[in-house]
PDB file of N, CA and C in Angstrom:
ATOM      1  N   MET A   1       0.833  -1.180   0.000  1.00  0.00           N
ATOM      2  CA  MET A   1       0.000  -0.004   0.004  1.00  0.00           C
ATOM      3  C   MET A   1       0.873   1.240   0.000  1.00  0.00           C
ATOM      4  N   ASP A   2       0.481   2.212  -0.775  1.00  0.00           N
ATOM      5  CA  ASP A   2       1.225   3.458  -0.822  1.00  0.00           C
ATOM      6  C   ASP A   2       0.534   4.526  -0.012  1.00  0.00           C
ATOM      7  N   ASP A   3       1.317   5.190   0.833  1.00  0.00           N
ATOM      8  CA  ASP A   3       0.817   6.355   1.563  1.00  0.00           C
ATOM      9  C   ASP A   3      -0.531   6.120   2.252  1.00  0.00           C
ATOM     10  N   VAL A   4      -0.594   5.125   3.129  1.00  0.00           N
ATOM     11  CA  VAL A   4      -1.844   4.869   3.843  1.00  0.00           C
ATOM     12  C   VAL A   4      -2.089   5.911   4.928  1.00  0.00           C
ATOM     13  N   VAL A   5      -1.019   6.594   5.350  1.00  0.00           N
ATOM     14  CA  VAL A   5      -1.147   7.689   6.310  1.00  0.00           C
ATOM     15  C   VAL A   5      -0.342   8.867   5.763  1.00  0.00           C
ATOM     16  N   LEU A   6      -1.015   9.984   5.533  1.00  0.00           N
ATOM     17  CA  LEU A   6      -0.363  11.171   5.025  1.00  0.00           C
ATOM     18  C   LEU A   6       0.022  12.061   6.198  1.00  0.00           C
ATOM     19  N   TYR A   7       1.153  12.763   6.043  1.00  0.00           N
ATOM     20  CA  TYR A   7       1.653  13.631   7.123  1.00  0.00           C
ATOM     21  C   TYR A   7       2.172  14.915   6.509  1.00  0.00           C
ATOM     22  N   GLU A   8       1.747  16.035   7.057  1.00  0.00           N
ATOM     23  CA  GLU A   8       2.279  17.329   6.626  1.00  0.00           C
ATOM     24  C   GLU A   8       2.283  18.288   7.803  1.00  0.00           C
ATOM     25  N   VAL A   9       3.196  19.246   7.754  1.00  0.00           N
ATOM     26  CA  VAL A   9       3.282  20.270   8.794  1.00  0.00           C
ATOM     27  C   VAL A   9       3.173  21.626   8.120  1.00  0.00           C
ATOM     28  N   SER A  10       2.322  22.482   8.675  1.00  0.00           N
ATOM     29  CA  SER A  10       2.149  23.835   8.153  1.00  0.00           C
ATOM     30  C   SER A  10       1.922  24.776   9.327  1.00  0.00           C
ATOM     31  N   ASP A  11       2.713  25.820   9.400  1.00  0.00           N
ATOM     32  CA  ASP A  11       2.593  26.801  10.488  1.00  0.00           C
ATOM     33  C   ASP A  11       2.656  26.167  11.867  1.00  0.00           C
ATOM     34  N   GLY A  12       3.509  25.159  12.017  1.00  0.00           N
ATOM     35  CA  GLY A  12       3.689  24.523  13.319  1.00  0.00           C
ATOM     36  C   GLY A  12       2.600  23.552  13.702  1.00  0.00           C
ATOM     37  N   ILE A  13       1.712  23.220  12.762  1.00  0.00           N
ATOM     38  CA  ILE A  13       0.620  22.292  13.043  1.00  0.00           C
ATOM     39  C   ILE A  13       0.793  21.057  12.178  1.00  0.00           C
ATOM     40  N   ALA A  14       0.829  19.893  12.813  1.00  0.00           N
ATOM     41  CA  ALA A  14       0.957  18.627  12.078  1.00  0.00           C
ATOM     42  C   ALA A  14      -0.437  18.134  11.702  1.00  0.00           C
ATOM     43  N   LYS A  15      -0.571  17.710  10.458  1.00  0.00           N
ATOM     44  CA  LYS A  15      -1.837  17.169   9.975  1.00  0.00           C
ATOM     45  C   LYS A  15      -1.586  15.726   9.543  1.00  0.00           C
ATOM     46  N   ILE A  16      -2.280  14.798  10.165  1.00  0.00           N
ATOM     47  CA  ILE A  16      -2.159  13.365   9.869  1.00  0.00           C
ATOM     48  C   ILE A  16      -3.491  12.911   9.295  1.00  0.00           C
ATOM     49  N   THR A  17      -3.445  12.315   8.111  1.00  0.00           N
ATOM     50  CA  THR A  17      -4.661  11.908   7.422  1.00  0.00           C
ATOM     51  C   THR A  17      -4.609  10.422   7.092  1.00  0.00           C
ATOM     52  N   LEU A  18      -5.649   9.677   7.490  1.00  0.00           N
ATOM     53  CA  LEU A  18      -5.773   8.285   7.071  1.00  0.00           C
ATOM     54  C   LEU A  18      -6.208   8.292   5.610  1.00  0.00           C
ATOM     55  N   ASN A  19      -5.514   7.512   4.775  1.00  0.00           N
ATOM     56  CA  ASN A  19      -5.708   7.612   3.336  1.00  0.00           C
ATOM     57  C   ASN A  19      -6.043   6.253   2.713  1.00  0.00           C
ATOM     58  N   ARG A  20      -7.176   5.702   3.112  1.00  0.00           N
ATOM     59  CA  ARG A  20      -7.654   4.449   2.511  1.00  0.00           C
ATOM     60  C   ARG A  20      -9.134   4.617   2.167  1.00  0.00           C
ATOM     61  N   PRO A  21      -9.477   5.591   1.323  1.00  0.00           N
ATOM     62  CA  PRO A  21     -10.889   5.876   1.066  1.00  0.00           C
ATOM     63  C   PRO A  21     -11.648   4.703   0.463  1.00  0.00           C
ATOM     64  N   ASP A  22     -11.006   3.920  -0.394  1.00  0.00           N
ATOM     65  CA  ASP A  22     -11.703   2.791  -1.023  1.00  0.00           C
ATOM     66  C   ASP A  22     -12.089   1.723  -0.001  1.00  0.00           C
ATOM     67  N   GLN A  23     -11.328   1.651   1.108  1.00  0.00           N
ATOM     68  CA  GLN A  23     -11.612   0.674   2.157  1.00  0.00           C
ATOM     69  C   GLN A  23     -12.263   1.343   3.373  1.00  0.00           C
ATOM     70  N   MET A  24     -12.694   2.603   3.190  1.00  0.00           N
ATOM     71  CA  MET A  24     -13.335   3.368   4.267  1.00  0.00           C
ATOM     72  C   MET A  24     -12.444   3.423   5.518  1.00  0.00           C
ATOM     73  N   ASN A  25     -11.135   3.513   5.284  1.00  0.00           N
ATOM     74  CA  ASN A  25     -10.123   3.596   6.342  1.00  0.00           C
ATOM     75  C   ASN A  25     -10.190   2.428   7.321  1.00  0.00           C
ATOM     76  N   ALA A  26     -10.546   1.252   6.820  1.00  0.00           N
ATOM     77  CA  ALA A  26     -10.584   0.058   7.662  1.00  0.00           C
ATOM     78  C   ALA A  26      -9.209  -0.141   8.302  1.00  0.00           C
ATOM     79  N   TRP A  27      -9.220  -0.518   9.571  1.00  0.00           N
ATOM     80  CA  TRP A  27      -7.993  -0.652  10.350  1.00  0.00           C
ATOM     81  C   TRP A  27      -7.234  -1.904   9.950  1.00  0.00           C
ATOM     82  N   THR A  28      -5.940  -1.764   9.714  1.00  0.00           N
ATOM     83  CA  THR A  28      -5.065  -2.893   9.410  1.00  0.00           C
ATOM     84  C   THR A  28      -3.793  -2.747  10.225  1.00  0.00           C
ATOM     85  N   GLY A  29      -3.009  -3.782  10.248  1.00  0.00           N
ATOM     86  CA  GLY A  29      -1.720  -3.714  10.932  1.00  0.00           C
ATOM     87  C   GLY A  29      -0.823  -2.668  10.297  1.00  0.00           C
ATOM     88  N   GLU A  30      -0.838  -2.596   8.973  1.00  0.00           N
ATOM     89  CA  GLU A  30      -0.006  -1.606   8.272  1.00  0.00           C
ATOM     90  C   GLU A  30      -0.444  -0.188   8.622  1.00  0.00           C
ATOM     91  N   LEU A  31      -1.748   0.058   8.653  1.00  0.00           N
ATOM     92  CA  LEU A  31      -2.259   1.373   9.006  1.00  0.00           C
ATOM     93  C   LEU A  31      -1.837   1.730  10.425  1.00  0.00           C
ATOM     94  N   SER A  32      -1.940   0.804  11.324  1.00  0.00           N
ATOM     95  CA  SER A  32      -1.539   1.034  12.705  1.00  0.00           C
ATOM     96  C   SER A  32      -0.056   1.384  12.807  1.00  0.00           C
ATOM     97  N   ASP A  33       0.784   0.628  12.124  1.00  0.00           N
ATOM     98  CA  ASP A  33       2.227   0.890  12.143  1.00  0.00           C
ATOM     99  C   ASP A  33       2.552   2.257  11.567  1.00  0.00           C
ATOM    100  N   GLU A  34       1.927   2.593  10.438  1.00  0.00           N
ATOM    101  CA  GLU A  34       2.178   3.879   9.784  1.00  0.00           C
ATOM    102  C   GLU A  34       1.700   5.037  10.662  1.00  0.00           C
ATOM    103  N   LEU A  35       0.533   4.894  11.277  1.00  0.00           N
ATOM    104  CA  LEU A  35       0.020   5.954  12.140  1.00  0.00           C
ATOM    105  C   LEU A  35       0.947   6.158  13.328  1.00  0.00           C
ATOM    106  N   GLN A  36       1.405   5.090  13.917  1.00  0.00           N
ATOM    107  CA  GLN A  36       2.332   5.187  15.055  1.00  0.00           C
ATOM    108  C   GLN A  36       3.617   5.890  14.632  1.00  0.00           C
ATOM    109  N   ALA A  37       4.123   5.578  13.455  1.00  0.00           N
ATOM    110  CA  ALA A  37       5.338   6.225  12.951  1.00  0.00           C
ATOM    111  C   ALA A  37       5.117   7.723  12.730  1.00  0.00           C
ATOM    112  N   ARG A  38       3.981   8.093  12.148  1.00  0.00           N
ATOM    113  CA  ARG A  38       3.684   9.511  11.901  1.00  0.00           C
ATOM    114  C   ARG A  38       3.478  10.274  13.210  1.00  0.00           C
ATOM    115  N   LEU A  39       2.856   9.639  14.206  1.00  0.00           N
ATOM    116  CA  LEU A  39       2.696  10.280  15.519  1.00  0.00           C
ATOM    117  C   LEU A  39       4.055  10.528  16.164  1.00  0.00           C
ATOM    118  N   GLY A  40       4.970   9.572  16.002  1.00  0.00           N
ATOM    119  CA  GLY A  40       6.333   9.763  16.518  1.00  0.00           C
ATOM    120  C   GLY A  40       7.039  10.902  15.796  1.00  0.00           C
ATOM    121  N   GLU A  41       6.832  10.988  14.487  1.00  0.00           N
ATOM    122  CA  GLU A  41       7.412  12.080  13.704  1.00  0.00           C
ATOM    123  C   GLU A  41       6.865  13.434  14.167  1.00  0.00           C
ATOM    124  N   ALA A  42       5.557  13.490  14.397  1.00  0.00           N
ATOM    125  CA  ALA A  42       4.944  14.732  14.876  1.00  0.00           C
ATOM    126  C   ALA A  42       5.495  15.118  16.245  1.00  0.00           C
ATOM    127  N   ASP A  43       5.717  14.138  17.094  1.00  0.00           N
ATOM    128  CA  ASP A  43       6.268  14.406  18.419  1.00  0.00           C
ATOM    129  C   ASP A  43       7.670  14.988  18.305  1.00  0.00           C
ATOM    130  N   ARG A  44       8.463  14.471  17.389  1.00  0.00           N
ATOM    131  CA  ARG A  44       9.824  14.984  17.210  1.00  0.00           C
ATOM    132  C   ARG A  44       9.820  16.371  16.568  1.00  0.00           C
ATOM    133  N   ASP A  45       8.865  16.635  15.691  1.00  0.00           N
ATOM    134  CA  ASP A  45       8.793  17.949  15.039  1.00  0.00           C
ATOM    135  C   ASP A  45       8.374  18.991  16.043  1.00  0.00           C
TER     136      ASP A  45
END
């Protein structure tokens, strides 16, 4: 899967977006891992 969790920072605000519209953002192990990684990135930023 490509880019299941999108991450961007603008004006000091991190925006994390679940990006599986065809699957209605159904929870998977990959989604969980990616979200955890992006949350860690936001914490470091």
